[in-house]
Amino acid sequence: MQWTSIAAIYLLFWVMTAFMMLPFGIRTHDEVGEARVPGQAESAPANFRPGKLLLRATMISTVLTVLFVLNYEYGWIGPDDMNIFPEPPEQTQR
């Protein structure tokens, strides 16, 4: 596998992981007990930490990319392993 393919797969995993982790650990101002700024949405986060999110997304996407590349190289799970539908029964002619 070329390094550009690995980089593209890593980027896709990173973006997917970052967006999936966005809602976890976020608290609103009402939940934290802080006063809201006038005109602020009720759902606005009070404790958003982008650095922590970036670090977690980087670690998770690195592990996922390594697993993906190793599976590509060694063929642990292939398309035949993911077929959940059984073969159709044979039709007999009358």
PDB file of N, CA and C in Angstrom:
ATOM      1  N   MET A   1       0.854  -1.171   0.000  1.00  0.00           N
ATOM      2  CA  MET A   1       0.000   0.000   0.000  1.00  0.00           C
ATOM      3  C   MET A   1       0.903   1.238   0.000  1.00  0.00           C
ATOM      4  N   GLN A   2       0.560   2.201  -0.819  1.00  0.00           N
ATOM      5  CA  GLN A   2       1.369   3.415  -0.922  1.00  0.00           C
ATOM      6  C   GLN A   2       1.139   4.316   0.286  1.00  0.00           C
ATOM      7  N   TRP A   3       2.135   5.152   0.590  1.00  0.00           N
ATOM      8  CA  TRP A   3       2.031   6.016   1.753  1.00  0.00           C
ATOM      9  C   TRP A   3       0.939   7.059   1.569  1.00  0.00           C
ATOM     10  N   THR A   4       0.654   7.448   0.320  1.00  0.00           N
ATOM     11  CA  THR A   4      -0.402   8.432   0.102  1.00  0.00           C
ATOM     12  C   THR A   4      -1.777   7.826   0.416  1.00  0.00           C
ATOM     13  N   SER A   5      -1.940   6.544   0.124  1.00  0.00           N
ATOM     14  CA  SER A   5      -3.192   5.863   0.464  1.00  0.00           C
ATOM     15  C   SER A   5      -3.348   5.756   1.975  1.00  0.00           C
ATOM     16  N   ILE A   6      -2.265   5.449   2.659  1.00  0.00           N
ATOM     17  CA  ILE A   6      -2.305   5.360   4.114  1.00  0.00           C
ATOM     18  C   ILE A   6      -2.634   6.725   4.721  1.00  0.00           C
ATOM     19  N   ALA A   7      -2.047   7.784   4.171  1.00  0.00           N
ATOM     20  CA  ALA A   7      -2.321   9.136   4.675  1.00  0.00           C
ATOM     21  C   ALA A   7      -3.785   9.519   4.451  1.00  0.00           C
ATOM     22  N   ALA A   8      -4.331   9.152   3.294  1.00  0.00           N
ATOM     23  CA  ALA A   8      -5.738   9.467   3.017  1.00  0.00           C
ATOM     24  C   ALA A   8      -6.671   8.693   3.952  1.00  0.00           C
ATOM     25  N   ILE A   9      -6.354   7.425   4.195  1.00  0.00           N
ATOM     26  CA  ILE A   9      -7.163   6.620   5.104  1.00  0.00           C
ATOM     27  C   ILE A   9      -7.062   7.175   6.516  1.00  0.00           C
ATOM     28  N   TYR A  10      -5.857   7.577   6.935  1.00  0.00           N
ATOM     29  CA  TYR A  10      -5.679   8.182   8.257  1.00  0.00           C
ATOM     30  C   TYR A  10      -6.513   9.456   8.388  1.00  0.00           C
ATOM     31  N   LEU A  11      -6.493  10.289   7.369  1.00  0.00           N
ATOM     32  CA  LEU A  11      -7.266  11.533   7.407  1.00  0.00           C
ATOM     33  C   LEU A  11      -8.763  11.249   7.509  1.00  0.00           C
ATOM     34  N   LEU A  12      -9.240  10.270   6.759  1.00  0.00           N
ATOM     35  CA  LEU A  12     -10.654   9.908   6.849  1.00  0.00           C
ATOM     36  C   LEU A  12     -11.010   9.391   8.237  1.00  0.00           C
ATOM     37  N   PHE A  13     -10.172   8.523   8.797  1.00  0.00           N
ATOM     38  CA  PHE A  13     -10.407   8.043  10.158  1.00  0.00           C
ATOM     39  C   PHE A  13     -10.362   9.189  11.165  1.00  0.00           C
ATOM     40  N   TRP A  14      -9.439  10.126  10.990  1.00  0.00           N
ATOM     41  CA  TRP A  14      -9.289  11.230  11.932  1.00  0.00           C
ATOM     42  C   TRP A  14     -10.528  12.126  11.923  1.00  0.00           C
ATOM     43  N   VAL A  15     -10.997  12.492  10.740  1.00  0.00           N
ATOM     44  CA  VAL A  15     -12.181  13.359  10.649  1.00  0.00           C
ATOM     45  C   VAL A  15     -13.408  12.645  11.211  1.00  0.00           C
ATOM     46  N   MET A  16     -13.584  11.370  10.860  1.00  0.00           N
ATOM     47  CA  MET A  16     -14.714  10.604  11.359  1.00  0.00           C
ATOM     48  C   MET A  16     -14.667  10.512  12.887  1.00  0.00           C
ATOM     49  N   THR A  17     -13.495  10.233  13.436  1.00  0.00           N
ATOM     50  CA  THR A  17     -13.347  10.106  14.878  1.00  0.00           C
ATOM     51  C   THR A  17     -13.592  11.444  15.574  1.00  0.00           C
ATOM     52  N   ALA A  18     -13.064  12.515  15.037  1.00  0.00           N
ATOM     53  CA  ALA A  18     -13.243  13.824  15.662  1.00  0.00           C
ATOM     54  C   ALA A  18     -14.721  14.224  15.694  1.00  0.00           C
ATOM     55  N   PHE A  19     -15.431  14.022  14.597  1.00  0.00           N
ATOM     56  CA  PHE A  19     -16.848  14.378  14.582  1.00  0.00           C
ATOM     57  C   PHE A  19     -17.681  13.478  15.482  1.00  0.00           C
ATOM     58  N   MET A  20     -17.305  12.206  15.588  1.00  0.00           N
ATOM     59  CA  MET A  20     -18.055  11.305  16.454  1.00  0.00           C
ATOM     60  C   MET A  20     -17.826  11.622  17.926  1.00  0.00           C
ATOM     61  N   MET A  21     -16.671  12.173  18.277  1.00  0.00           N
ATOM     62  CA  MET A  21     -16.355  12.469  19.671  1.00  0.00           C
ATOM     63  C   MET A  21     -16.813  13.843  20.123  1.00  0.00           C
ATOM     64  N   LEU A  22     -17.261  14.692  19.225  1.00  0.00           N
ATOM     65  CA  LEU A  22     -17.645  16.056  19.595  1.00  0.00           C
ATOM     66  C   LEU A  22     -18.679  16.141  20.724  1.00  0.00           C
ATOM     67  N   PRO A  23     -19.739  15.360  20.719  1.00  0.00           N
ATOM     68  CA  PRO A  23     -20.743  15.555  21.773  1.00  0.00           C
ATOM     69  C   PRO A  23     -20.391  14.947  23.129  1.00  0.00           C
ATOM     70  N   PHE A  24     -19.341  14.134  23.230  1.00  0.00           N
ATOM     71  CA  PHE A  24     -19.034  13.464  24.488  1.00  0.00           C
ATOM     72  C   PHE A  24     -18.297  14.386  25.455  1.00  0.00           C
ATOM     73  N   GLY A  25     -18.773  14.440  26.692  1.00  0.00           N
ATOM     74  CA  GLY A  25     -18.123  15.223  27.736  1.00  0.00           C
ATOM     75  C   GLY A  25     -18.469  16.699  27.731  1.00  0.00           C
ATOM     76  N   ILE A  26     -19.329  17.119  26.855  1.00  0.00           N
ATOM     77  CA  ILE A  26     -19.695  18.535  26.773  1.00  0.00           C
ATOM     78  C   ILE A  26     -20.845  18.815  27.738  1.00  0.00           C
ATOM     79  N   ARG A  27     -20.733  19.901  28.470  1.00  0.00           N
ATOM     80  CA  ARG A  27     -21.780  20.323  29.398  1.00  0.00           C
ATOM     81  C   ARG A  27     -22.207  21.741  29.035  1.00  0.00           C
ATOM     82  N   THR A  28     -23.499  21.992  29.190  1.00  0.00           N
ATOM     83  CA  THR A  28     -24.016  23.339  28.922  1.00  0.00           C
ATOM     84  C   THR A  28     -23.780  24.221  30.146  1.00  0.00           C
ATOM     85  N   HIS A  29     -24.036  25.501  29.991  1.00  0.00           N
ATOM     86  CA  HIS A  29     -23.861  26.431  31.103  1.00  0.00           C
ATOM     87  C   HIS A  29     -24.814  26.107  32.243  1.00  0.00           C
ATOM     88  N   ASP A  30     -26.011  25.676  31.921  1.00  0.00           N
ATOM     89  CA  ASP A  30     -26.971  25.310  32.962  1.00  0.00           C
ATOM     90  C   ASP A  30     -26.496  24.101  33.754  1.00  0.00           C
ATOM     91  N   GLU A  31     -25.897  23.122  33.082  1.00  0.00           N
ATOM     92  CA  GLU A  31     -25.403  21.921  33.765  1.00  0.00           C
ATOM     93  C   GLU A  31     -24.197  22.221  34.648  1.00  0.00           C
ATOM     94  N   VAL A  32     -23.358  23.155  34.207  1.00  0.00           N
ATOM     95  CA  VAL A  32     -22.165  23.515  34.973  1.00  0.00           C
ATOM     96  C   VAL A  32     -22.510  24.483  36.089  1.00  0.00           C
ATOM     97  N   GLY A  33     -23.564  25.268  35.899  1.00  0.00           N
ATOM     98  CA  GLY A  33     -23.973  26.255  36.898  1.00  0.00           C
ATOM     99  C   GLY A  33     -23.429  27.642  36.634  1.00  0.00           C
ATOM    100  N   GLU A  34     -23.007  27.905  35.422  1.00  0.00           N
ATOM    101  CA  GLU A  34     -22.495  29.222  35.048  1.00  0.00           C
ATOM    102  C   GLU A  34     -23.608  30.057  34.430  1.00  0.00           C
ATOM    103  N   ALA A  35     -23.440  31.360  34.495  1.00  0.00           N
ATOM    104  CA  ALA A  35     -24.412  32.268  33.892  1.00  0.00           C
ATOM    105  C   ALA A  35     -24.168  32.343  32.385  1.00  0.00           C
ATOM    106  N   ARG A  36     -25.254  32.415  31.634  1.00  0.00           N
ATOM    107  CA  ARG A  36     -25.137  32.538  30.184  1.00  0.00           C
ATOM    108  C   ARG A  36     -25.030  33.999  29.780  1.00  0.00           C
ATOM    109  N   VAL A  37     -24.377  34.228  28.660  1.00  0.00           N
ATOM    110  CA  VAL A  37     -24.284  35.559  28.072  1.00  0.00           C
ATOM    111  C   VAL A  37     -25.621  35.850  27.399  1.00  0.00           C
ATOM    112  N   PRO A  38     -26.137  37.074  27.490  1.00  0.00           N
ATOM    113  CA  PRO A  38     -27.407  37.369  26.824  1.00  0.00           C
ATOM    114  C   PRO A  38     -27.330  37.083  25.320  1.00  0.00           C
ATOM    115  N   GLY A  39     -28.326  36.364  24.815  1.00  0.00           N
ATOM    116  CA  GLY A  39     -28.382  35.991  23.416  1.00  0.00           C
ATOM    117  C   GLY A  39     -27.704  34.665  23.104  1.00  0.00           C
ATOM    118  N   GLN A  40     -27.110  34.035  24.100  1.00  0.00           N
ATOM    119  CA  GLN A  40     -26.420  32.768  23.895  1.00  0.00           C
ATOM    120  C   GLN A  40     -27.428  31.629  23.831  1.00  0.00           C
ATOM    121  N   ALA A  41     -27.181  30.674  22.963  1.00  0.00           N
ATOM    122  CA  ALA A  41     -28.061  29.513  22.842  1.00  0.00           C
ATOM    123  C   ALA A  41     -27.980  28.670  24.112  1.00  0.00           C
ATOM    124  N   GLU A  42     -29.096  28.045  24.462  1.00  0.00           N
ATOM    125  CA  GLU A  42     -29.122  27.212  25.662  1.00  0.00           C
ATOM    126  C   GLU A  42     -28.222  25.994  25.524  1.00  0.00           C
ATOM    127  N   SER A  43     -27.992  25.557  24.313  1.00  0.00           N
ATOM    128  CA  SER A  43     -27.198  24.353  24.078  1.00  0.00           C
ATOM    129  C   SER A  43     -25.708  24.639  23.868  1.00  0.00           C
ATOM    130  N   ALA A  44     -25.277  25.883  24.019  1.00  0.00           N
ATOM    131  CA  ALA A  44     -23.868  26.223  23.801  1.00  0.00           C
ATOM    132  C   ALA A  44     -22.995  25.565  24.873  1.00  0.00           C
ATOM    133  N   PRO A  45     -21.878  24.964  24.481  1.00  0.00           N
ATOM    134  CA  PRO A  45     -21.034  24.286  25.463  1.00  0.00           C
ATOM    135  C   PRO A  45     -20.294  25.280  26.359  1.00  0.00           C
ATOM    136  N   ALA A  46     -20.118  24.874  27.617  1.00  0.00           N
ATOM    137  CA  ALA A  46     -19.388  25.715  28.565  1.00  0.00           C
ATOM    138  C   ALA A  46     -17.959  25.223  28.765  1.00  0.00           C
ATOM    139  N   ASN A  47     -17.701  23.957  28.458  1.00  0.00           N
ATOM    140  CA  ASN A  47     -16.388  23.387  28.751  1.00  0.00           C
ATOM    141  C   ASN A  47     -15.756  22.716  27.526  1.00  0.00           C
ATOM    142  N   PHE A  48     -15.878  23.312  26.370  1.00  0.00           N
ATOM    143  CA  PHE A  48     -15.303  22.728  25.153  1.00  0.00           C
ATOM    144  C   PHE A  48     -13.789  22.844  25.195  1.00  0.00           C
ATOM    145  N   ARG A  49     -13.104  21.709  25.037  1.00  0.00           N
ATOM    146  CA  ARG A  49     -11.641  21.667  25.050  1.00  0.00           C
ATOM    147  C   ARG A  49     -11.159  21.076  23.732  1.00  0.00           C
ATOM    148  N   PRO A  50     -10.852  21.910  22.733  1.00  0.00           N
ATOM    149  CA  PRO A  50     -10.463  21.377  21.424  1.00  0.00           C
ATOM    150  C   PRO A  50      -9.141  20.620  21.452  1.00  0.00           C
ATOM    151  N   GLY A  51      -8.221  21.008  22.324  1.00  0.00           N
ATOM    152  CA  GLY A  51      -6.936  20.302  22.382  1.00  0.00           C
ATOM    153  C   GLY A  51      -7.097  18.861  22.816  1.00  0.00           C
ATOM    154  N   LYS A  52      -7.946  18.649  23.793  1.00  0.00           N
ATOM    155  CA  LYS A  52      -8.211  17.295  24.275  1.00  0.00           C
ATOM    156  C   LYS A  52      -8.896  16.468  23.188  1.00  0.00           C
ATOM    157  N   LEU A  53      -9.817  17.085  22.465  1.00  0.00           N
ATOM    158  CA  LEU A  53     -10.506  16.404  21.370  1.00  0.00           C
ATOM    159  C   LEU A  53      -9.515  16.020  20.272  1.00  0.00           C
ATOM    160  N   LEU A  54      -8.629  16.920  19.901  1.00  0.00           N
ATOM    161  CA  LEU A  54      -7.650  16.643  18.852  1.00  0.00           C
ATOM    162  C   LEU A  54      -6.698  15.515  19.255  1.00  0.00           C
ATOM    163  N   LEU A  55      -6.275  15.515  20.523  1.00  0.00           N
ATOM    164  CA  LEU A  55      -5.379  14.465  21.002  1.00  0.00           C
ATOM    165  C   LEU A  55      -6.065  13.100  20.984  1.00  0.00           C
ATOM    166  N   ARG A  56      -7.287  13.043  21.468  1.00  0.00           N
ATOM    167  CA  ARG A  56      -8.021  11.779  21.472  1.00  0.00           C
ATOM    168  C   ARG A  56      -8.300  11.289  20.056  1.00  0.00           C
ATOM    169  N   ALA A  57      -8.703  12.191  19.169  1.00  0.00           N
ATOM    170  CA  ALA A  57      -8.975  11.803  17.780  1.00  0.00           C
ATOM    171  C   ALA A  57      -7.704  11.305  17.106  1.00  0.00           C
ATOM    172  N   THR A  58      -6.570  11.909  17.403  1.00  0.00           N
ATOM    173  CA  THR A  58      -5.302  11.484  16.819  1.00  0.00           C
ATOM    174  C   THR A  58      -4.926  10.088  17.294  1.00  0.00           C
ATOM    175  N   MET A  59      -5.074   9.833  18.584  1.00  0.00           N
ATOM    176  CA  MET A  59      -4.714   8.510  19.105  1.00  0.00           C
ATOM    177  C   MET A  59      -5.623   7.420  18.549  1.00  0.00           C
ATOM    178  N   ILE A  60      -6.925   7.662  18.548  1.00  0.00           N
ATOM    179  CA  ILE A  60      -7.868   6.653  18.076  1.00  0.00           C
ATOM    180  C   ILE A  60      -7.692   6.403  16.579  1.00  0.00           C
ATOM    181  N   SER A  61      -7.536   7.461  15.794  1.00  0.00           N
ATOM    182  CA  SER A  61      -7.389   7.277  14.352  1.00  0.00           C
ATOM    183  C   SER A  61      -6.056   6.610  14.001  1.00  0.00           C
ATOM    184  N   THR A  62      -5.024   6.817  14.794  1.00  0.00           N
ATOM    185  CA  THR A  62      -3.756   6.130  14.566  1.00  0.00           C
ATOM    186  C   THR A  62      -3.926   4.625  14.766  1.00  0.00           C
ATOM    187  N   VAL A  63      -4.603   4.229  15.847  1.00  0.00           N
ATOM    188  CA  VAL A  63      -4.842   2.810  16.108  1.00  0.00           C
ATOM    189  C   VAL A  63      -5.693   2.203  14.996  1.00  0.00           C
ATOM    190  N   LEU A  64      -6.754   2.903  14.587  1.00  0.00           N
ATOM    191  CA  LEU A  64      -7.621   2.386  13.531  1.00  0.00           C
ATOM    192  C   LEU A  64      -6.879   2.249  12.202  1.00  0.00           C
ATOM    193  N   THR A  65      -6.023   3.210  11.881  1.00  0.00           N
ATOM    194  CA  THR A  65      -5.267   3.148  10.637  1.00  0.00           C
ATOM    195  C   THR A  65      -4.277   1.992  10.660  1.00  0.00           C
ATOM    196  N   VAL A  66      -3.604   1.793  11.779  1.00  0.00           N
ATOM    197  CA  VAL A  66      -2.660   0.673  11.890  1.00  0.00           C
ATOM    198  C   VAL A  66      -3.403  -0.646  11.721  1.00  0.00           C
ATOM    199  N   LEU A  67      -4.554  -0.796  12.365  1.00  0.00           N
ATOM    200  CA  LEU A  67      -5.337  -2.019  12.215  1.00  0.00           C
ATOM    201  C   LEU A  67      -5.799  -2.218  10.775  1.00  0.00           C
ATOM    202  N   PHE A  68      -6.207  -1.138  10.109  1.00  0.00           N
ATOM    203  CA  PHE A  68      -6.648  -1.222   8.726  1.00  0.00           C
ATOM    204  C   PHE A  68      -5.514  -1.671   7.815  1.00  0.00           C
ATOM    205  N   VAL A  69      -4.338  -1.078   7.971  1.00  0.00           N
ATOM    206  CA  VAL A  69      -3.197  -1.423   7.117  1.00  0.00           C
ATOM    207  C   VAL A  69      -2.743  -2.859   7.382  1.00  0.00           C
ATOM    208  N   LEU A  70      -2.715  -3.262   8.656  1.00  0.00           N
ATOM    209  CA  LEU A  70      -2.338  -4.646   8.959  1.00  0.00           C
ATOM    210  C   LEU A  70      -3.339  -5.634   8.386  1.00  0.00           C
ATOM    211  N   ASN A  71      -4.617  -5.317   8.449  1.00  0.00           N
ATOM    212  CA  ASN A  71      -5.631  -6.182   7.853  1.00  0.00           C
ATOM    213  C   ASN A  71      -5.464  -6.230   6.333  1.00  0.00           C
ATOM    214  N   TYR A  72      -5.116  -5.125   5.730  1.00  0.00           N
ATOM    215  CA  TYR A  72      -4.880  -5.094   4.289  1.00  0.00           C
ATOM    216  C   TYR A  72      -3.688  -5.976   3.917  1.00  0.00           C
ATOM    217  N   GLU A  73      -2.630  -5.907   4.712  1.00  0.00           N
ATOM    218  CA  GLU A  73      -1.417  -6.673   4.408  1.00  0.00           C
ATOM    219  C   GLU A  73      -1.593  -8.169   4.668  1.00  0.00           C
ATOM    220  N   TYR A  74      -2.243  -8.524   5.771  1.00  0.00           N
ATOM    221  CA  TYR A  74      -2.322  -9.927   6.163  1.00  0.00           C
ATOM    222  C   TYR A  74      -3.664 -10.581   5.840  1.00  0.00           C
ATOM    223  N   GLY A  75      -4.663  -9.813   5.459  1.00  0.00           N
ATOM    224  CA  GLY A  75      -5.943 -10.367   5.038  1.00  0.00           C
ATOM    225  C   GLY A  75      -6.716 -11.089   6.129  1.00  0.00           C
ATOM    226  N   TRP A  76      -6.735 -10.539   7.325  1.00  0.00           N
ATOM    227  CA  TRP A  76      -7.444 -11.170   8.438  1.00  0.00           C
ATOM    228  C   TRP A  76      -8.944 -11.260   8.174  1.00  0.00           C
ATOM    229  N   ILE A  77      -9.530 -10.172   7.713  1.00  0.00           N
ATOM    230  CA  ILE A  77     -10.965 -10.124   7.436  1.00  0.00           C
ATOM    231  C   ILE A  77     -11.134  -9.674   5.992  1.00  0.00           C
ATOM    232  N   GLY A  78     -11.807 -10.495   5.203  1.00  0.00           N
ATOM    233  CA  GLY A  78     -12.025 -10.174   3.797  1.00  0.00           C
ATOM    234  C   GLY A  78     -13.496 -10.067   3.486  1.00  0.00           C
ATOM    235  N   PRO A  79     -13.838  -9.817   2.233  1.00  0.00           N
ATOM    236  CA  PRO A  79     -15.243  -9.690   1.849  1.00  0.00           C
ATOM    237  C   PRO A  79     -16.041 -10.969   2.106  1.00  0.00           C
ATOM    238  N   ASP A  80     -15.415 -12.130   1.944  1.00  0.00           N
ATOM    239  CA  ASP A  80     -16.129 -13.382   2.186  1.00  0.00           C
ATOM    240  C   ASP A  80     -16.491 -13.553   3.657  1.00  0.00           C
ATOM    241  N   ASP A  81     -15.676 -13.016   4.552  1.00  0.00           N
ATOM    242  CA  ASP A  81     -15.954 -13.110   5.983  1.00  0.00           C
ATOM    243  C   ASP A  81     -17.115 -12.216   6.405  1.00  0.00           C
ATOM    244  N   MET A  82     -17.412 -11.202   5.618  1.00  0.00           N
ATOM    245  CA  MET A  82     -18.462 -10.255   5.978  1.00  0.00           C
ATOM    246  C   MET A  82     -19.800 -10.577   5.326  1.00  0.00           C
ATOM    247  N   ASN A  83     -19.879 -11.662   4.565  1.00  0.00           N
ATOM    248  CA  ASN A  83     -21.119 -12.047   3.909  1.00  0.00           C
ATOM    249  C   ASN A  83     -22.052 -12.659   4.950  1.00  0.00           C
ATOM    250  N   ILE A  84     -23.126 -11.929   5.296  1.00  0.00           N
ATOM    251  CA  ILE A  84     -24.041 -12.412   6.333  1.00  0.00           C
ATOM    252  C   ILE A  84     -25.223 -13.174   5.749  1.00  0.00           C
ATOM    253  N   PHE A  85     -25.340 -13.159   4.449  1.00  0.00           N
ATOM    254  CA  PHE A  85     -26.452 -13.847   3.806  1.00  0.00           C
ATOM    255  C   PHE A  85     -26.003 -15.230   3.331  1.00  0.00           C
ATOM    256  N   PRO A  86     -26.756 -16.260   3.653  1.00  0.00           N
ATOM    257  CA  PRO A  86     -26.361 -17.601   3.200  1.00  0.00           C
ATOM    258  C   PRO A  86     -26.576 -17.747   1.697  1.00  0.00           C
ATOM    259  N   GLU A  87     -25.964 -18.779   1.156  1.00  0.00           N
ATOM    260  CA  GLU A  87     -26.142 -19.057  -0.262  1.00  0.00           C
ATOM    261  C   GLU A  87     -27.593 -19.467  -0.498  1.00  0.00           C
ATOM    262  N   PRO A  88     -28.185 -19.055  -1.606  1.00  0.00           N
ATOM    263  CA  PRO A  88     -29.573 -19.452  -1.877  1.00  0.00           C
ATOM    264  C   PRO A  88     -29.660 -20.950  -2.145  1.00  0.00           C
ATOM    265  N   PRO A  89     -30.776 -21.566  -1.803  1.00  0.00           N
ATOM    266  CA  PRO A  89     -30.903 -23.012  -2.057  1.00  0.00           C
ATOM    267  C   PRO A  89     -30.935 -23.294  -3.557  1.00  0.00           C
ATOM    268  N   GLU A  90     -30.468 -24.458  -3.894  1.00  0.00           N
ATOM    269  CA  GLU A  90     -30.456 -24.865  -5.304  1.00  0.00           C
ATOM    270  C   GLU A  90     -31.876 -25.086  -5.797  1.00  0.00           C
ATOM    271  N   GLN A  91     -32.138 -24.678  -6.999  1.00  0.00           N
ATOM    272  CA  GLN A  91     -33.438 -24.863  -7.605  1.00  0.00           C
ATOM    273  C   GLN A  91     -33.438 -26.184  -8.398  1.00  0.00           C
ATOM    274  N   THR A  92     -34.409 -26.999  -8.171  1.00  0.00           N
ATOM    275  CA  THR A  92     -34.511 -28.242  -8.938  1.00  0.00           C
ATOM    276  C   THR A  92     -35.544 -28.060 -10.050  1.00  0.00           C
ATOM    277  N   GLN A  93     -35.257 -28.640 -11.189  1.00  0.00           N
ATOM    278  CA  GLN A  93     -36.194 -28.530 -12.301  1.00  0.00           C
ATOM    279  C   GLN A  93     -37.225 -29.659 -12.201  1.00  0.00           C
ATOM    280  N   ARG A  94     -38.431 -29.372 -12.580  1.00  0.00           N
ATOM    281  CA  ARG A  94     -39.509 -30.359 -12.511  1.00  0.00           C
ATOM    282  C   ARG A  94     -39.703 -31.032 -13.825  1.00  0.00           C
TER     283      ARG A  94
END
